[in-house]
Amino acid sequence: MKKTFKINIEGKNRDRVLEAVKHEIRQYMKRERNKALPEGVDFWDFDCRFGLNQDVAAGVHVATITALIDAAAQEGADAFYLELIAKPGVRKVRLPGEQADSID
């Protein structure tokens, strides 16, 4: 999904538009995760880019998308760009006592 979402739509409540956008994103991720996994793949992962427009979009973690949308809305943005590309993911085995990678 590569899409520019408009937040301010004349005649529509801004909060309802935000919730509809979040719902559309969650539904897309759910559809992608329900697709059959290729051989040797453990889960569907996502490459994500977020920005106020396509030119300034930067890579972000999938777990931070909702917070970034809320922050953009609070700053008064009229629209934002989101790119979600599904990719195969393979779980890494951790040894006992090994620290998990931190999410930045």
C-alpha atoms as a PDB file:
ATOM      1  CA  MET A   1       0.000   0.000   0.000  1.00  0.00           C
ATOM      2  CA  LYS A   2       1.405   3.331  -1.056  1.00  0.00           C
ATOM      3  CA  LYS A   3      -1.099   6.022  -0.310  1.00  0.00           C
ATOM      4  CA  THR A   4      -1.544   9.638   0.741  1.00  0.00           C
ATOM      5  CA  PHE A   5      -4.348   9.867   3.276  1.00  0.00           C
ATOM      6  CA  LYS A   6      -6.271  13.123   3.627  1.00  0.00           C
ATOM      7  CA  ILE A   7      -7.195  14.041   7.191  1.00  0.00           C
ATOM      8  CA  ASN A   8      -9.162  17.226   6.523  1.00  0.00           C
ATOM      9  CA  ILE A   9     -12.138  16.459   4.327  1.00  0.00           C
ATOM     10  CA  GLU A  10     -14.769  19.160   4.044  1.00  0.00           C
ATOM     11  CA  GLY A  11     -18.067  18.126   5.587  1.00  0.00           C
ATOM     12  CA  LYS A  12     -16.579  15.242   7.604  1.00  0.00           C
ATOM     13  CA  ASN A  13     -15.564  15.089  11.238  1.00  0.00           C
ATOM     14  CA  ARG A  14     -11.744  15.010  11.493  1.00  0.00           C
ATOM     15  CA  ASP A  15     -11.750  12.473  14.354  1.00  0.00           C
ATOM     16  CA  ARG A  16     -13.956  10.082  12.410  1.00  0.00           C
ATOM     17  CA  VAL A  17     -11.741  10.406   9.349  1.00  0.00           C
ATOM     18  CA  LEU A  18      -8.681   9.552  11.481  1.00  0.00           C
ATOM     19  CA  GLU A  19     -10.387   6.471  12.905  1.00  0.00           C
ATOM     20  CA  ALA A  20     -11.472   5.382   9.405  1.00  0.00           C
ATOM     21  CA  VAL A  21      -7.891   5.742   8.146  1.00  0.00           C
ATOM     22  CA  LYS A  22      -6.515   3.694  11.047  1.00  0.00           C
ATOM     23  CA  HIS A  23      -9.169   1.052  10.401  1.00  0.00           C
ATOM     24  CA  GLU A  24      -8.247   0.870   6.711  1.00  0.00           C
ATOM     25  CA  ILE A  25      -4.568   0.389   7.624  1.00  0.00           C
ATOM     26  CA  ARG A  26      -5.367  -2.351  10.158  1.00  0.00           C
ATOM     27  CA  GLN A  27      -7.592  -4.134   7.629  1.00  0.00           C
ATOM     28  CA  TYR A  28      -4.853  -4.019   4.981  1.00  0.00           C
ATOM     29  CA  MET A  29      -2.326  -5.490   7.428  1.00  0.00           C
ATOM     30  CA  LYS A  30      -4.795  -8.206   8.441  1.00  0.00           C
ATOM     31  CA  ARG A  31      -5.425  -9.148   4.781  1.00  0.00           C
ATOM     32  CA  GLU A  32      -1.698  -9.340   4.072  1.00  0.00           C
ATOM     33  CA  ARG A  33      -1.005 -11.442   7.190  1.00  0.00           C
ATOM     34  CA  ASN A  34      -3.735 -13.922   6.229  1.00  0.00           C
ATOM     35  CA  LYS A  35      -2.109 -14.728   2.878  1.00  0.00           C
ATOM     36  CA  ALA A  36      -0.366 -18.081   2.554  1.00  0.00           C
ATOM     37  CA  LEU A  37       3.258 -18.057   3.714  1.00  0.00           C
ATOM     38  CA  PRO A  38       6.000 -19.133   1.287  1.00  0.00           C
ATOM     39  CA  GLU A  39       8.114 -22.158   2.184  1.00  0.00           C
ATOM     40  CA  GLY A  40      10.620 -21.439   4.972  1.00  0.00           C
ATOM     41  CA  VAL A  41       8.919 -18.231   6.122  1.00  0.00           C
ATOM     42  CA  ASP A  42       7.583 -17.765   9.671  1.00  0.00           C
ATOM     43  CA  PHE A  43       5.476 -14.608   9.345  1.00  0.00           C
ATOM     44  CA  TRP A  44       4.662 -11.571   7.200  1.00  0.00           C
ATOM     45  CA  ASP A  45       6.726  -8.520   8.107  1.00  0.00           C
ATOM     46  CA  PHE A  46       6.239  -4.984   6.792  1.00  0.00           C
ATOM     47  CA  ASP A  47       8.572  -2.330   5.397  1.00  0.00           C
ATOM     48  CA  CYS A  48       7.045   0.987   6.469  1.00  0.00           C
ATOM     49  CA  ARG A  49       7.656   4.583   5.448  1.00  0.00           C
ATOM     50  CA  PHE A  50       5.752   7.534   6.909  1.00  0.00           C
ATOM     51  CA  GLY A  51       5.855  11.262   6.225  1.00  0.00           C
ATOM     52  CA  LEU A  52       3.751  14.314   5.536  1.00  0.00           C
ATOM     53  CA  ASN A  53       4.382  13.705   1.829  1.00  0.00           C
ATOM     54  CA  GLN A  54       6.100  11.070  -0.289  1.00  0.00           C
ATOM     55  CA  ASP A  55       9.335  13.049  -0.664  1.00  0.00           C
ATOM     56  CA  VAL A  56      10.053  13.298   3.073  1.00  0.00           C
ATOM     57  CA  ALA A  57       8.797   9.835   4.085  1.00  0.00           C
ATOM     58  CA  ALA A  58      11.235   7.988   6.336  1.00  0.00           C
ATOM     59  CA  GLY A  59      11.420   4.364   7.401  1.00  0.00           C
ATOM     60  CA  VAL A  60       9.534   3.586  10.614  1.00  0.00           C
ATOM     61  CA  HIS A  61       8.638   0.503  12.649  1.00  0.00           C
ATOM     62  CA  VAL A  62       5.170  -0.907  12.018  1.00  0.00           C
ATOM     63  CA  ALA A  63       4.263  -0.630  15.724  1.00  0.00           C
ATOM     64  CA  THR A  64       4.663   3.172  15.662  1.00  0.00           C
ATOM     65  CA  ILE A  65       2.287   3.926  12.780  1.00  0.00           C
ATOM     66  CA  THR A  66      -0.738   4.792  14.931  1.00  0.00           C
ATOM     67  CA  ALA A  67       1.296   7.109  17.161  1.00  0.00           C
ATOM     68  CA  LEU A  68       2.758   8.848  14.103  1.00  0.00           C
ATOM     69  CA  ILE A  69      -0.716   9.358  12.626  1.00  0.00           C
ATOM     70  CA  ASP A  70      -1.930  10.865  15.916  1.00  0.00           C
ATOM     71  CA  ALA A  71       1.125  13.139  16.098  1.00  0.00           C
ATOM     72  CA  ALA A  72       0.585  14.355  12.525  1.00  0.00           C
ATOM     73  CA  ALA A  73      -3.068  15.097  13.307  1.00  0.00           C
ATOM     74  CA  GLN A  74      -2.167  17.031  16.461  1.00  0.00           C
ATOM     75  CA  GLU A  75       0.336  19.121  14.515  1.00  0.00           C
ATOM     76  CA  GLY A  76      -2.485  20.127  12.185  1.00  0.00           C
ATOM     77  CA  ALA A  77      -1.381  18.259   9.059  1.00  0.00           C
ATOM     78  CA  ASP A  78      -3.938  18.091   6.246  1.00  0.00           C
ATOM     79  CA  ALA A  79      -2.611  14.763   4.928  1.00  0.00           C
ATOM     80  CA  PHE A  80       0.138  12.175   5.372  1.00  0.00           C
ATOM     81  CA  TYR A  81       1.848   9.548   3.219  1.00  0.00           C
ATOM     82  CA  LEU A  82       2.106   5.916   4.295  1.00  0.00           C
ATOM     83  CA  GLU A  83       3.855   3.071   2.524  1.00  0.00           C
ATOM     84  CA  LEU A  84       3.343  -0.487   3.788  1.00  0.00           C
ATOM     85  CA  ILE A  85       5.005  -3.276   1.837  1.00  0.00           C
ATOM     86  CA  ALA A  86       4.601  -6.869   3.045  1.00  0.00           C
ATOM     87  CA  LYS A  87       7.741  -8.994   3.069  1.00  0.00           C
ATOM     88  CA  PRO A  88       8.496 -12.499   4.344  1.00  0.00           C
ATOM     89  CA  GLY A  89      10.029 -12.680   7.805  1.00  0.00           C
ATOM     90  CA  VAL A  90      12.023 -15.402   9.518  1.00  0.00           C
ATOM     91  CA  ARG A  91      12.288 -15.594  13.291  1.00  0.00           C
ATOM     92  CA  LYS A  92      15.784 -15.530  14.752  1.00  0.00           C
ATOM     93  CA  VAL A  93      16.619 -18.017  17.489  1.00  0.00           C
ATOM     94  CA  ARG A  94      17.844 -16.406  20.683  1.00  0.00           C
ATOM     95  CA  LEU A  95      20.052 -18.220  23.130  1.00  0.00           C
ATOM     96  CA  PRO A  96      19.010 -18.272  26.806  1.00  0.00           C
ATOM     97  CA  GLY A  97      20.061 -15.035  28.525  1.00  0.00           C
ATOM     98  CA  GLU A  98      20.490 -13.148  25.247  1.00  0.00           C
ATOM     99  CA  GLN A  99      18.960  -9.656  25.126  1.00  0.00           C
ATOM    100  CA  ALA A 100      16.216  -8.885  22.632  1.00  0.00           C
ATOM    101  CA  ASP A 101      16.934  -6.205  20.030  1.00  0.00           C
ATOM    102  CA  SER A 102      15.529  -2.860  21.094  1.00  0.00           C
ATOM    103  CA  ILE A 103      13.029  -1.099  18.841  1.00  0.00           C
ATOM    104  CA  ASP A 104      14.133   2.437  18.050  1.00  0.00           C
END
